[in-house]
């Protein structure tokens, strides 16, 4: 059988998964690529990979899908890396620029605007060339990823979108989950989950390994992985995922 192709997210929140796949040796049995969340989704939809750590907002677009892991990218409160940033008070925001890299965060913002904030904004999509720090006074940006740690200092006001969801729903949030576009052998899934378990349960070692390489470094990385990202796809997260997808479809 050909090697299974996997696309993982290229952000710090995925370091424990990468660590587990590498330290267990499971990465030798697969073809592992790292991409922005939207690209993970595009590859899975196009059949260029067999498994993707994809934004959950993509799930309704797949002809068939299988959530194959007990682990996800989630948060139960502040996540730090999915933010609404502005230089004006929330009440004065008129236009919101949407990060092109993730559909889940974009749709989460729209769900909150409609159902929690009761606000209507002018939504503007962005591209790779967009300068997220160069916005007008009555404008805001939805920003995801490690760069939130450095970009947030450029803005006067910030809303953590995972915390806003928790306040609205009383539930954690699932940003991305390990999803296959076809049925895979049970023994592969079992070994895959065992590798992920290794990383999720050795966060300090993960932070030591990756703590000098990215935007989020040292103690900031260790604190972020331990306290902001919640990796277990438990019943509350499954309930939240169902609720989010239902609200998203109604948009």
Protein backbone atom coordinates (compact mmCIF):
# COMPACT_ATOMS: atom_id res chain seq x y z
CA UNK A 1 0.00 0.00 0.00
CA UNK A 2 1.21 3.52 -0.78
CA UNK A 3 2.18 5.68 2.17
CA UNK A 4 -0.65 7.72 3.68
CA UNK A 5 -0.23 11.45 2.94
CA UNK A 6 -0.93 13.84 5.82
CA UNK A 7 -1.18 17.63 5.90
CA UNK A 8 -0.69 19.22 9.33
CA UNK A 9 -0.95 22.86 10.35
CA UNK A 10 2.31 24.81 10.38
CA UNK A 11 1.65 26.64 13.67
CA UNK A 12 2.99 26.21 17.20
CA UNK A 13 -0.28 24.64 18.36
CA UNK A 14 0.58 21.61 16.21
CA UNK A 15 4.07 21.09 17.67
CA UNK A 16 2.90 18.34 20.06
CA UNK A 17 1.44 16.38 17.15
CA UNK A 18 4.62 16.78 15.07
CA UNK A 19 6.71 15.80 18.10
CA UNK A 20 4.64 12.66 18.66
CA UNK A 21 4.79 11.62 15.00
CA UNK A 22 8.56 12.14 14.87
CA UNK A 23 9.59 10.75 18.27
CA UNK A 24 7.47 7.63 17.80
CA UNK A 25 8.97 7.03 14.35
CA UNK A 26 5.49 7.08 12.83
CA UNK A 27 6.58 9.87 10.47
CA UNK A 28 8.68 7.27 8.59
CA UNK A 29 5.49 5.40 7.68
CA UNK A 30 3.70 8.42 6.21
CA UNK A 31 4.31 11.43 3.98
CA UNK A 32 3.95 14.46 6.26
CA UNK A 33 3.46 18.01 4.97
CA UNK A 34 2.82 21.24 6.88
CA UNK A 35 0.53 23.97 5.56
CA UNK A 36 -1.69 26.88 6.54
CA UNK A 37 -5.08 25.60 7.75
CA UNK A 38 -6.89 26.65 4.56
CA UNK A 39 -4.30 24.79 2.48
CA UNK A 40 -4.69 21.65 4.64
CA UNK A 41 -8.38 21.79 3.79
CA UNK A 42 -7.84 22.43 0.09
CA UNK A 43 -5.47 19.46 -0.20
CA UNK A 44 -7.91 17.14 1.58
CA UNK A 45 -10.85 18.27 -0.56
CA UNK A 46 -8.79 17.82 -3.75
CA UNK A 47 -7.57 14.38 -2.69
CA UNK A 48 -3.92 15.48 -2.63
CA UNK A 49 -3.66 14.12 0.93
CA UNK A 50 -5.52 11.37 2.77
CA UNK A 51 -5.63 13.07 6.18
CA UNK A 52 -5.66 16.73 7.12
CA UNK A 53 -5.66 18.68 10.36
CA UNK A 54 -8.40 20.82 8.85
CA UNK A 55 -10.48 23.78 10.00
CA UNK A 56 -13.80 22.34 11.18
CA UNK A 57 -15.73 24.84 9.03
CA UNK A 58 -14.63 22.79 6.02
CA UNK A 59 -16.37 19.59 7.14
CA UNK A 60 -19.71 20.34 5.39
CA UNK A 61 -17.82 20.80 2.09
CA UNK A 62 -16.40 17.27 2.06
CA UNK A 63 -18.31 14.58 0.15
CA UNK A 64 -17.40 12.11 2.87
CA UNK A 65 -15.22 12.48 5.91
CA UNK A 66 -14.03 10.56 8.94
CA UNK A 67 -12.80 12.27 12.10
CA UNK A 68 -10.14 9.72 12.99
CA UNK A 69 -8.51 11.03 16.15
CA UNK A 70 -9.21 11.54 19.84
CA UNK A 71 -7.20 14.77 19.54
CA UNK A 72 -7.86 18.18 18.01
CA UNK A 73 -6.81 21.83 18.13
CA UNK A 74 -9.21 23.28 20.66
CA UNK A 75 -9.50 25.79 23.48
CA UNK A 76 -11.54 26.11 26.65
CA UNK A 77 -11.27 29.88 27.13
CA UNK A 78 -8.49 32.16 25.91
CA UNK A 79 -6.59 30.68 22.96
CA UNK A 80 -4.26 33.66 22.28
CA UNK A 81 -3.88 32.86 18.57
CA UNK A 82 -7.37 33.57 17.20
CA UNK A 83 -8.08 37.24 17.73
CA UNK A 84 -10.22 40.18 16.68
CA UNK A 85 -7.87 43.18 16.76
CA UNK A 86 -8.65 46.88 16.33
CA UNK A 87 -7.57 50.40 17.22
CA UNK A 88 -11.06 51.49 18.20
CA UNK A 89 -13.56 50.33 20.79
CA UNK A 90 -15.66 47.35 19.75
CA UNK A 91 -18.83 49.45 19.42
CA UNK A 92 -17.18 51.63 16.77
CA UNK A 93 -15.99 48.81 14.48
CA UNK A 94 -17.67 48.97 11.07
CA UNK A 95 -15.43 46.84 8.81
CA UNK A 96 -13.74 43.53 9.61
CA UNK A 97 -10.90 42.10 7.50
CA UNK A 98 -10.88 38.30 7.50
CA UNK A 99 -7.70 36.23 7.69
CA UNK A 100 -7.44 34.15 4.50
CA UNK A 101 -5.67 31.31 6.31
CA UNK A 102 -8.58 29.75 8.21
CA UNK A 103 -12.28 29.34 7.57
CA UNK A 104 -13.09 28.20 11.10
CA UNK A 105 -11.96 31.45 12.71
CA UNK A 106 -13.67 33.55 10.05
CA UNK A 107 -16.93 31.69 10.48
CA UNK A 108 -16.60 31.78 14.26
CA UNK A 109 -16.42 35.59 14.06
CA UNK A 110 -19.53 35.69 11.87
CA UNK A 111 -21.41 33.30 14.18
CA UNK A 112 -20.55 35.45 17.21
CA UNK A 113 -21.48 38.66 15.38
CA UNK A 114 -24.93 37.33 14.55
CA UNK A 115 -25.80 35.31 17.63
CA UNK A 116 -23.86 36.86 20.52
CA UNK A 117 -22.82 40.41 19.63
CA UNK A 118 -25.93 41.18 17.52
CA UNK A 119 -23.78 43.24 15.18
CA UNK A 120 -23.59 43.65 11.42
CA UNK A 121 -20.19 44.39 9.91
CA UNK A 122 -18.81 44.93 6.45
CA UNK A 123 -16.83 41.72 5.87
CA UNK A 124 -13.72 41.96 3.67
CA UNK A 125 -11.72 38.92 2.57
CA UNK A 126 -7.94 39.21 2.46
CA UNK A 127 -5.08 37.60 0.57
CA UNK A 128 -1.42 36.86 1.20
CA UNK A 129 -0.41 40.43 0.30
CA UNK A 130 -2.70 42.10 2.85
CA UNK A 131 -1.02 44.18 5.57
CA UNK A 132 -2.98 43.26 8.69
CA UNK A 133 -1.39 46.04 10.75
CA UNK A 134 -2.34 48.81 8.35
CA UNK A 135 -6.05 49.31 8.95
CA UNK A 136 -8.33 52.30 9.49
CA UNK A 137 -9.72 53.63 12.75
CA UNK A 138 -13.15 52.00 12.49
CA UNK A 139 -11.77 48.73 11.18
CA UNK A 140 -10.70 45.43 12.73
CA UNK A 141 -8.93 42.27 11.64
CA UNK A 142 -9.51 38.62 12.39
CA UNK A 143 -6.01 37.22 12.80
CA UNK A 144 -4.94 33.62 13.45
CA UNK A 145 -1.71 31.83 14.17
CA UNK A 146 1.59 32.45 15.89
CA UNK A 147 1.85 35.99 14.54
CA UNK A 148 -0.90 37.03 16.97
CA UNK A 149 1.83 37.05 19.64
CA UNK A 150 3.76 39.77 17.81
CA UNK A 151 0.94 41.58 15.98
CA UNK A 152 -1.34 42.12 18.98
CA UNK A 153 1.10 44.68 20.37
CA UNK A 154 0.30 46.89 17.34
CA UNK A 155 -3.38 47.22 18.33
CA UNK A 156 -5.12 49.01 21.18
CA UNK A 157 -8.02 46.60 21.53
CA UNK A 158 -8.32 42.81 21.28
CA UNK A 159 -10.98 40.13 21.67
CA UNK A 160 -9.96 36.50 22.08
CA UNK A 161 -12.47 34.65 19.91
CA UNK A 162 -12.29 31.34 21.77
CA UNK A 163 -13.05 33.16 25.02
CA UNK A 164 -15.93 34.99 23.30
CA UNK A 165 -17.35 31.63 22.16
CA UNK A 166 -17.02 30.21 25.70
CA UNK A 167 -18.87 33.23 27.10
CA UNK A 168 -21.61 32.82 24.48
CA UNK A 169 -22.05 29.04 24.52
CA UNK A 170 -20.59 27.87 27.82
CA UNK A 171 -18.58 25.35 25.80
CA UNK A 172 -15.00 24.94 24.57
CA UNK A 173 -14.26 25.40 20.88
CA UNK A 174 -12.75 23.09 18.26
CA UNK A 175 -10.74 24.88 15.58
CA UNK A 176 -9.35 21.90 13.70
CA UNK A 177 -9.59 18.12 13.78
CA UNK A 178 -7.77 15.22 12.19
CA UNK A 179 -9.98 14.21 9.27
CA UNK A 180 -9.65 11.58 6.55
CA UNK A 181 -11.40 11.71 3.18
CA UNK A 182 -11.72 7.93 3.05
CA UNK A 183 -11.98 4.97 5.40
CA UNK A 184 -8.58 3.96 6.76
CA UNK A 185 -7.46 0.69 8.39
CA UNK A 186 -8.20 0.45 12.12
CA UNK A 187 -4.63 -0.51 12.94
CA UNK A 188 -3.32 2.62 11.18
CA UNK A 189 -5.71 4.86 13.12
CA UNK A 190 -4.76 3.19 16.40
CA UNK A 191 -1.04 3.68 15.76
CA UNK A 192 -1.63 7.26 14.58
CA UNK A 193 -3.49 8.14 17.78
CA UNK A 194 -0.79 6.49 19.87
CA UNK A 195 1.79 8.76 18.22
CA UNK A 196 -0.31 11.87 18.85
CA UNK A 197 -0.77 10.78 22.49
CA UNK A 198 3.01 10.78 22.92
CA UNK A 199 3.23 14.44 21.94
CA UNK A 200 0.16 15.71 23.79
CA UNK A 201 1.41 14.10 27.01
CA UNK A 202 4.96 15.50 26.80
CA UNK A 203 4.32 19.23 26.38
CA UNK A 204 7.44 20.35 28.28
CA UNK A 205 9.64 18.20 26.02
CA UNK A 206 7.80 19.60 23.00
CA UNK A 207 8.49 23.16 24.16
CA UNK A 208 12.15 22.34 24.71
CA UNK A 209 12.45 20.89 21.20
CA UNK A 210 10.68 23.69 19.34
CA UNK A 211 11.17 26.60 21.75
CA UNK A 212 13.94 28.30 19.78
CA UNK A 213 12.63 27.93 16.25
CA UNK A 214 9.38 29.87 15.80
CA UNK A 215 7.66 33.13 16.69
CA UNK A 216 6.49 31.81 20.08
CA UNK A 217 9.57 30.89 22.10
CA UNK A 218 10.73 29.58 25.45
CA UNK A 219 8.41 30.00 28.41
CA UNK A 220 5.80 31.70 26.21
CA UNK A 221 5.56 28.54 24.12
CA UNK A 222 5.38 26.26 27.14
CA UNK A 223 2.65 28.39 28.72
CA UNK A 224 0.72 28.59 25.44
CA UNK A 225 0.74 24.84 24.82
CA UNK A 226 -0.11 24.00 28.44
CA UNK A 227 -2.73 26.66 29.16
CA UNK A 228 -4.25 27.93 25.91
CA UNK A 229 -4.55 24.89 23.64
CA UNK A 230 -6.80 22.01 24.68
CA UNK A 231 -6.06 18.89 22.64
CA UNK A 232 -8.62 16.34 23.83
CA UNK A 233 -11.65 15.85 21.58
CA UNK A 234 -14.05 15.10 24.43
CA UNK A 235 -17.85 15.12 24.61
CA UNK A 236 -18.07 18.85 25.37
CA UNK A 237 -15.98 19.65 22.31
CA UNK A 238 -18.09 17.35 20.14
CA UNK A 239 -21.21 19.12 21.44
CA UNK A 240 -19.60 22.50 20.68
CA UNK A 241 -18.60 21.36 17.20
CA UNK A 242 -22.16 20.29 16.42
CA UNK A 243 -23.53 23.61 17.72
CA UNK A 244 -21.00 25.66 15.76
CA UNK A 245 -21.64 23.87 12.47
CA UNK A 246 -25.41 24.28 12.87
CA UNK A 247 -25.04 28.02 13.53
CA UNK A 248 -22.55 28.38 10.67
CA UNK A 249 -24.91 26.74 8.18
CA UNK A 250 -27.62 29.24 9.17
CA UNK A 251 -25.43 32.24 8.35
